Each structure stands twice: as structure tokens, then as C-alpha cells.
Amino acid sequence: MKYKVQLFVGGKVFDFYCFATSNQDANRVAKAQHPNATIISTTATFL
């Protein structure tokens, strides 16, 4: 499933899209790509 993870880095909020099996897995993928980011939210997208 495709997930949208909202991340916060240096005063900016941006969206990171990835394919994962769960919210926790999507969070792990996002943190692996952006290790210094703070995760704001994770939602499944159906588009």
C-alpha cells in the first residue's frame, strides 16, 4: 500500500511517499531516508 508520511526538518514540513505494508513500516522507511527528520503523521493513500 502507498503511504504519505509528513516530515519536519529545519522549520519545513514536507511529504514523503513510499510503499510499505504498515504505518510502522512506512515510518521506518521515512526515517531511513531522512534520519534527522521528525515524523508528524502517517496516512495510507489510495491514489
N, C-alpha and C. Protein backbone atom coordinates (compact mmCIF):
# COMPACT_ATOMS: atom_id res chain seq x y z
N MET A 1 0.85 -1.17 0.00
CA MET A 1 0.00 0.00 0.00
C MET A 1 0.90 1.23 0.00
N LYS A 2 0.41 2.33 -0.55
CA LYS A 2 1.15 3.57 -0.61
C LYS A 2 0.83 4.41 0.63
N TYR A 3 1.87 4.98 1.24
CA TYR A 3 1.70 5.79 2.43
C TYR A 3 2.28 7.18 2.22
N LYS A 4 1.65 8.17 2.85
CA LYS A 4 2.18 9.53 2.88
C LYS A 4 2.65 9.81 4.29
N VAL A 5 3.92 10.11 4.43
CA VAL A 5 4.49 10.43 5.73
C VAL A 5 4.85 11.91 5.72
N GLN A 6 4.31 12.67 6.66
CA GLN A 6 4.66 14.08 6.77
C GLN A 6 5.84 14.20 7.71
N LEU A 7 6.89 14.87 7.23
CA LEU A 7 8.12 15.03 7.98
C LEU A 7 8.40 16.49 8.24
N PHE A 8 9.15 16.75 9.31
CA PHE A 8 9.53 18.10 9.71
C PHE A 8 11.04 18.15 9.85
N VAL A 9 11.68 19.05 9.08
CA VAL A 9 13.13 19.24 9.17
C VAL A 9 13.43 20.71 8.99
N GLY A 10 14.16 21.30 9.92
CA GLY A 10 14.65 22.67 9.79
C GLY A 10 13.56 23.70 9.56
N GLY A 11 12.43 23.55 10.21
CA GLY A 11 11.35 24.51 10.08
C GLY A 11 10.46 24.29 8.87
N LYS A 12 10.68 23.25 8.11
CA LYS A 12 9.89 22.95 6.92
C LYS A 12 9.15 21.64 7.11
N VAL A 13 7.92 21.58 6.61
CA VAL A 13 7.13 20.36 6.60
C VAL A 13 7.03 19.90 5.15
N PHE A 14 7.32 18.63 4.90
CA PHE A 14 7.20 18.10 3.55
C PHE A 14 6.64 16.69 3.60
N ASP A 15 6.12 16.25 2.46
CA ASP A 15 5.51 14.93 2.34
C ASP A 15 6.49 13.96 1.70
N PHE A 16 6.52 12.74 2.23
CA PHE A 16 7.35 11.67 1.70
C PHE A 16 6.41 10.51 1.40
N TYR A 17 6.42 10.03 0.15
CA TYR A 17 5.55 8.93 -0.26
C TYR A 17 6.38 7.66 -0.41
N CYS A 18 5.85 6.54 0.08
CA CYS A 18 6.56 5.27 -0.05
C CYS A 18 5.55 4.13 -0.07
N PHE A 19 6.02 2.98 -0.50
CA PHE A 19 5.22 1.76 -0.47
C PHE A 19 5.68 0.92 0.71
N ALA A 20 4.74 0.49 1.55
CA ALA A 20 5.05 -0.28 2.74
C ALA A 20 3.86 -1.15 3.09
N THR A 21 4.06 -2.02 4.08
CA THR A 21 3.00 -2.94 4.48
C THR A 21 2.19 -2.44 5.66
N SER A 22 2.72 -1.45 6.41
CA SER A 22 2.01 -0.92 7.57
C SER A 22 2.50 0.50 7.86
N ASN A 23 1.81 1.18 8.77
CA ASN A 23 2.23 2.52 9.17
C ASN A 23 3.62 2.50 9.78
N GLN A 24 3.89 1.52 10.62
CA GLN A 24 5.19 1.43 11.26
C GLN A 24 6.30 1.20 10.24
N ASP A 25 6.02 0.38 9.25
CA ASP A 25 6.99 0.12 8.20
C ASP A 25 7.25 1.38 7.38
N ALA A 26 6.21 2.14 7.09
CA ALA A 26 6.37 3.40 6.36
C ALA A 26 7.20 4.39 7.18
N ASN A 27 6.99 4.42 8.48
CA ASN A 27 7.80 5.28 9.35
C ASN A 27 9.26 4.88 9.31
N ARG A 28 9.54 3.57 9.32
CA ARG A 28 10.92 3.10 9.26
C ARG A 28 11.59 3.49 7.94
N VAL A 29 10.84 3.38 6.84
CA VAL A 29 11.38 3.75 5.53
C VAL A 29 11.69 5.25 5.50
N ALA A 30 10.77 6.06 6.02
CA ALA A 30 10.96 7.51 6.03
C ALA A 30 12.17 7.90 6.88
N LYS A 31 12.31 7.27 8.05
CA LYS A 31 13.44 7.58 8.92
C LYS A 31 14.76 7.11 8.31
N ALA A 32 14.74 6.04 7.54
CA ALA A 32 15.95 5.57 6.87
C ALA A 32 16.39 6.57 5.79
N GLN A 33 15.42 7.16 5.08
CA GLN A 33 15.73 8.13 4.03
C GLN A 33 16.09 9.50 4.61
N HIS A 34 15.45 9.88 5.72
CA HIS A 34 15.66 11.20 6.33
C HIS A 34 15.89 11.02 7.83
N PRO A 35 17.10 10.63 8.23
CA PRO A 35 17.35 10.28 9.63
C PRO A 35 17.20 11.43 10.62
N ASN A 36 17.36 12.67 10.18
CA ASN A 36 17.25 13.79 11.12
C ASN A 36 15.85 14.41 11.14
N ALA A 37 14.89 13.80 10.48
CA ALA A 37 13.53 14.33 10.42
C ALA A 37 12.68 13.86 11.60
N THR A 38 11.68 14.66 11.90
CA THR A 38 10.67 14.30 12.88
C THR A 38 9.39 13.93 12.13
N ILE A 39 8.82 12.79 12.48
CA ILE A 39 7.60 12.33 11.81
C ILE A 39 6.40 13.01 12.45
N ILE A 40 5.58 13.66 11.62
CA ILE A 40 4.38 14.33 12.10
C ILE A 40 3.18 13.40 12.02
N SER A 41 2.97 12.80 10.83
CA SER A 41 1.83 11.89 10.67
C SER A 41 2.10 10.92 9.54
N THR A 42 1.36 9.82 9.57
CA THR A 42 1.45 8.81 8.52
C THR A 42 0.03 8.39 8.15
N THR A 43 -0.28 8.47 6.86
CA THR A 43 -1.61 8.08 6.39
C THR A 43 -1.50 7.23 5.13
N ALA A 44 -2.42 6.30 4.98
CA ALA A 44 -2.47 5.49 3.77
C ALA A 44 -3.17 6.28 2.68
N THR A 45 -2.63 6.22 1.47
CA THR A 45 -3.25 6.89 0.32
C THR A 45 -3.70 5.84 -0.66
N PHE A 46 -4.79 6.12 -1.37
CA PHE A 46 -5.37 5.15 -2.27
C PHE A 46 -5.33 5.61 -3.73
N LEU A 47 -4.45 6.56 -4.02
CA LEU A 47 -4.33 7.07 -5.39
C LEU A 47 -3.16 6.45 -6.10
